[in-house]
Amino acid sequence: MPEPHRLGGVPYEPMKLKVLALAGVVALFAGCGTIKNYEQLAQPTGKDLETYVGGSIFKVSRSRDLPNAFGRADIYGGRVFAGYTELRYQGLADDGRVILRITEVETHSTETAMSRYGQSSGSFYGYSDASGNVYGNVAVYHPPEGSTEILPPNTTQVAFDATKDRELVIAGVRVTFVEFTPLRLRYRLQSELPTQ
């Protein structure tokens, strides 16, 4: 009977070891989901809110999963800032329409799990001579640098006739205009954003 293969003194069968290694790799990739986008409304919904001229009506912040080395979602749940949409009250026009300013901000990110969590490491290869002098090389590895750049905002101002239609949907948020004057606005929000 042939001698069994040994790993650290323990007998093993090469095929079983390959199957176990493959199962481990598959399990590792299964833990990494596809990259998802997230949106979160900063203001509460379902109750009357109030703002002033120039004040924010709502802000929706966007983020997405931090990508790992394989382009999948980071297993630690890291996220990258992806911008926001904000609606501001700018008062009333001469004809009584509500003036709104919509600002969209997007980002460009090169950040990954390696750039965020990576650690610098180093190694030394050297020797000493008979006199005690040390000679050698030092190699230092730094993880890749990542960054998230905020692109220039896209701002649009619109006049909305809230006397004809009290509701307006922007960026997945329904705004109901309750009362408006040249200096302040009373309103209610309802989120139509996808649930996370």
Protein backbone atom coordinates (compact mmCIF):
# COMPACT_ATOMS: atom_id res chain seq x y z
CA MET A 1 0.00 0.00 0.00
CA PRO A 2 1.45 3.43 -0.94
CA GLU A 3 2.62 5.84 1.74
CA PRO A 4 -0.07 8.57 2.43
CA HIS A 5 0.79 12.23 1.80
CA ARG A 6 1.64 14.11 4.96
CA LEU A 7 1.09 17.76 5.89
CA GLY A 8 2.76 18.69 9.15
CA GLY A 9 2.95 15.01 10.05
CA VAL A 10 -0.79 14.48 9.48
CA PRO A 11 -1.85 12.23 6.60
CA TYR A 12 -4.09 13.91 3.98
CA GLU A 13 -5.48 13.26 0.54
CA PRO A 14 -4.51 15.92 -2.07
CA MET A 15 -7.95 15.94 -3.72
CA LYS A 16 -9.78 16.61 -0.44
CA LEU A 17 -7.38 19.48 0.30
CA LYS A 18 -8.07 21.03 -3.14
CA VAL A 19 -11.84 20.74 -2.63
CA LEU A 20 -11.58 22.38 0.80
CA ALA A 21 -9.43 25.21 -0.60
CA LEU A 22 -11.92 25.79 -3.42
CA ALA A 23 -14.83 25.82 -0.95
CA GLY A 24 -12.99 28.40 1.15
CA VAL A 25 -12.44 30.68 -1.85
CA VAL A 26 -16.11 30.35 -2.88
CA ALA A 27 -17.22 31.17 0.68
CA LEU A 28 -14.97 34.23 0.72
CA PHE A 29 -16.49 35.59 -2.51
CA ALA A 30 -20.03 34.73 -1.40
CA GLY A 31 -19.56 37.08 1.58
CA CYS A 32 -18.91 40.00 -0.79
CA GLY A 33 -22.16 41.26 -2.29
CA THR A 34 -22.69 43.53 -5.23
CA ILE A 35 -22.17 47.23 -4.67
CA LYS A 36 -25.39 48.96 -3.61
CA ASN A 37 -26.35 52.63 -3.57
CA TYR A 38 -28.00 54.19 -0.51
CA GLU A 39 -30.09 57.34 -0.05
CA GLN A 40 -31.08 58.83 3.30
CA LEU A 41 -33.45 61.71 3.98
CA ALA A 42 -32.13 63.95 6.78
CA GLN A 43 -35.50 65.44 7.85
CA PRO A 44 -38.38 63.66 9.58
CA THR A 45 -41.46 62.65 7.58
CA GLY A 46 -45.19 62.79 8.30
CA LYS A 47 -45.23 65.94 10.43
CA ASP A 48 -45.35 69.68 9.79
CA LEU A 49 -41.93 71.30 9.37
CA GLU A 50 -40.97 74.92 8.95
CA THR A 51 -38.14 76.79 7.27
CA TYR A 52 -37.22 80.37 6.40
CA VAL A 53 -36.05 82.15 3.25
CA GLY A 54 -32.79 80.48 2.22
CA GLY A 55 -33.43 77.55 4.58
CA SER A 56 -33.33 73.88 3.67
CA ILE A 57 -36.60 72.05 2.98
CA PHE A 58 -34.90 68.68 2.73
CA LYS A 59 -31.57 67.02 2.03
CA VAL A 60 -31.08 63.50 0.67
CA SER A 61 -27.54 62.16 1.23
CA ARG A 62 -26.22 59.45 -1.07
CA SER A 63 -23.56 56.81 -0.43
CA ARG A 64 -22.50 53.49 -1.93
CA ASP A 65 -20.65 50.42 -0.73
CA LEU A 66 -16.87 50.69 -0.57
CA PRO A 67 -15.45 48.41 -3.30
CA ASN A 68 -12.93 45.70 -2.43
CA ALA A 69 -10.11 44.33 -4.61
CA PHE A 70 -12.58 42.32 -6.69
CA GLY A 71 -15.04 45.18 -7.33
CA ARG A 72 -17.55 43.76 -4.85
CA ALA A 73 -18.89 45.30 -1.63
CA ASP A 74 -16.50 45.62 1.31
CA ILE A 75 -17.19 42.84 3.85
CA TYR A 76 -16.79 45.31 6.75
CA GLY A 77 -19.68 47.47 5.51
CA GLY A 78 -17.60 50.50 4.55
CA ARG A 79 -19.32 53.18 2.46
CA VAL A 80 -18.20 56.02 0.21
CA PHE A 81 -19.91 59.44 0.18
CA ALA A 82 -21.65 59.82 -3.21
CA GLY A 83 -23.18 63.30 -2.98
CA TYR A 84 -26.56 64.77 -2.10
CA THR A 85 -29.69 66.51 -3.34
CA GLU A 86 -30.95 69.54 -1.42
CA LEU A 87 -34.08 71.64 -1.84
CA ARG A 88 -34.12 75.19 -0.38
CA TYR A 89 -36.90 77.76 0.02
CA GLN A 90 -36.05 81.08 -1.68
CA GLY A 91 -39.27 83.00 -0.92
CA LEU A 92 -42.15 84.02 -3.20
CA ALA A 93 -42.08 85.48 -6.71
CA ASP A 94 -44.09 88.63 -7.51
CA ASP A 95 -46.90 86.46 -8.89
CA GLY A 96 -47.09 84.41 -5.66
CA ARG A 97 -45.29 81.28 -6.88
CA VAL A 98 -42.94 79.52 -4.46
CA ILE A 99 -39.27 79.88 -5.51
CA LEU A 100 -37.21 76.75 -4.89
CA ARG A 101 -33.52 76.06 -5.39
CA ILE A 102 -32.49 72.48 -6.17
CA THR A 103 -28.83 71.58 -5.70
CA GLU A 104 -27.38 68.27 -6.91
CA VAL A 105 -23.85 67.35 -5.84
CA GLU A 106 -22.07 64.26 -7.16
CA THR A 107 -18.66 62.80 -6.37
CA HIS A 108 -15.87 60.89 -8.07
CA SER A 109 -14.13 58.39 -5.83
CA THR A 110 -11.04 56.22 -6.20
CA GLU A 111 -11.33 54.99 -2.62
CA THR A 112 -11.33 51.21 -2.09
CA ALA A 113 -11.08 48.85 0.86
CA MET A 114 -7.32 48.62 0.25
CA SER A 115 -6.82 52.39 0.36
CA ARG A 116 -8.97 52.78 3.47
CA TYR A 117 -7.85 49.82 5.57
CA GLY A 118 -4.43 49.03 4.09
CA GLN A 119 -1.39 49.30 6.33
CA SER A 120 2.15 50.20 5.46
CA SER A 121 4.63 47.40 5.88
CA GLY A 122 8.34 47.07 5.51
CA SER A 123 11.08 44.52 5.28
CA PHE A 124 14.82 44.55 5.81
CA TYR A 125 17.35 42.32 4.13
CA GLY A 126 20.84 42.74 5.43
CA TYR A 127 24.01 41.32 6.83
CA SER A 128 26.86 42.41 9.05
CA ASP A 129 30.57 42.03 8.43
CA ALA A 130 33.25 40.90 10.86
CA SER A 131 33.72 44.50 12.09
CA GLY A 132 30.06 44.77 13.11
CA ASN A 133 29.03 47.03 10.22
CA VAL A 134 25.51 46.37 8.96
CA TYR A 135 24.64 46.50 5.26
CA GLY A 136 21.30 45.90 3.61
CA ASN A 137 18.16 47.11 1.92
CA VAL A 138 14.90 48.36 3.35
CA ALA A 139 11.70 47.98 1.34
CA VAL A 140 8.53 49.79 2.42
CA TYR A 141 5.09 49.13 0.96
CA HIS A 142 2.41 51.80 1.22
CA PRO A 143 -1.20 50.96 0.37
CA PRO A 144 -2.73 52.77 -2.62
CA GLU A 145 -4.13 56.20 -1.86
CA GLY A 146 -7.81 56.79 -2.48
CA SER A 147 -9.76 60.00 -2.60
CA THR A 148 -13.30 61.22 -3.04
CA GLU A 149 -13.65 64.45 -5.00
CA ILE A 150 -16.79 66.54 -4.81
CA LEU A 151 -17.71 67.70 -8.30
CA PRO A 152 -19.08 71.22 -8.90
CA PRO A 153 -22.74 71.48 -7.83
CA ASN A 154 -25.58 71.62 -10.33
CA THR A 155 -28.01 74.26 -9.05
CA THR A 156 -31.39 75.07 -10.59
CA GLN A 157 -33.95 77.59 -9.40
CA VAL A 158 -37.64 77.00 -10.20
CA ALA A 159 -40.91 78.80 -9.48
CA PHE A 160 -43.71 76.43 -8.42
CA ASP A 161 -47.38 77.42 -8.22
CA ALA A 162 -48.35 75.82 -4.91
CA THR A 163 -51.84 77.35 -5.09
CA LYS A 164 -52.72 75.00 -8.01
CA ASP A 165 -50.87 71.88 -6.84
CA ARG A 166 -49.83 71.54 -3.20
CA GLU A 167 -47.48 68.60 -3.82
CA LEU A 168 -44.16 68.31 -5.62
CA VAL A 169 -41.89 65.24 -5.89
CA ILE A 170 -38.14 65.84 -6.22
CA ALA A 171 -35.38 63.23 -5.79
CA GLY A 172 -37.79 60.67 -4.33
CA VAL A 173 -39.24 63.04 -1.71
CA ARG A 174 -42.84 64.30 -1.81
CA VAL A 175 -43.18 67.86 -0.47
CA THR A 176 -46.65 69.04 0.56
CA PHE A 177 -46.86 72.83 0.88
CA VAL A 178 -49.07 73.65 3.89
CA GLU A 179 -48.55 77.42 4.22
CA PHE A 180 -46.15 79.87 2.59
CA THR A 181 -45.33 83.54 3.06
CA PRO A 182 -42.51 85.67 1.63
CA LEU A 183 -40.41 84.86 4.73
CA ARG A 184 -41.31 81.33 5.81
CA LEU A 185 -42.65 78.01 4.61
CA ARG A 186 -44.61 75.33 6.45
CA TYR A 187 -44.55 71.91 4.76
CA ARG A 188 -44.68 68.14 5.20
CA LEU A 189 -42.39 65.48 3.73
CA GLN A 190 -43.07 61.92 2.61
CA SER A 191 -40.20 59.70 1.49
CA GLU A 192 -40.59 57.72 -1.71
CA LEU A 193 -36.95 56.58 -1.56
CA PRO A 194 -36.24 52.85 -1.81
CA THR A 195 -36.04 51.16 1.58
CA GLN A 196 -32.54 50.07 2.57
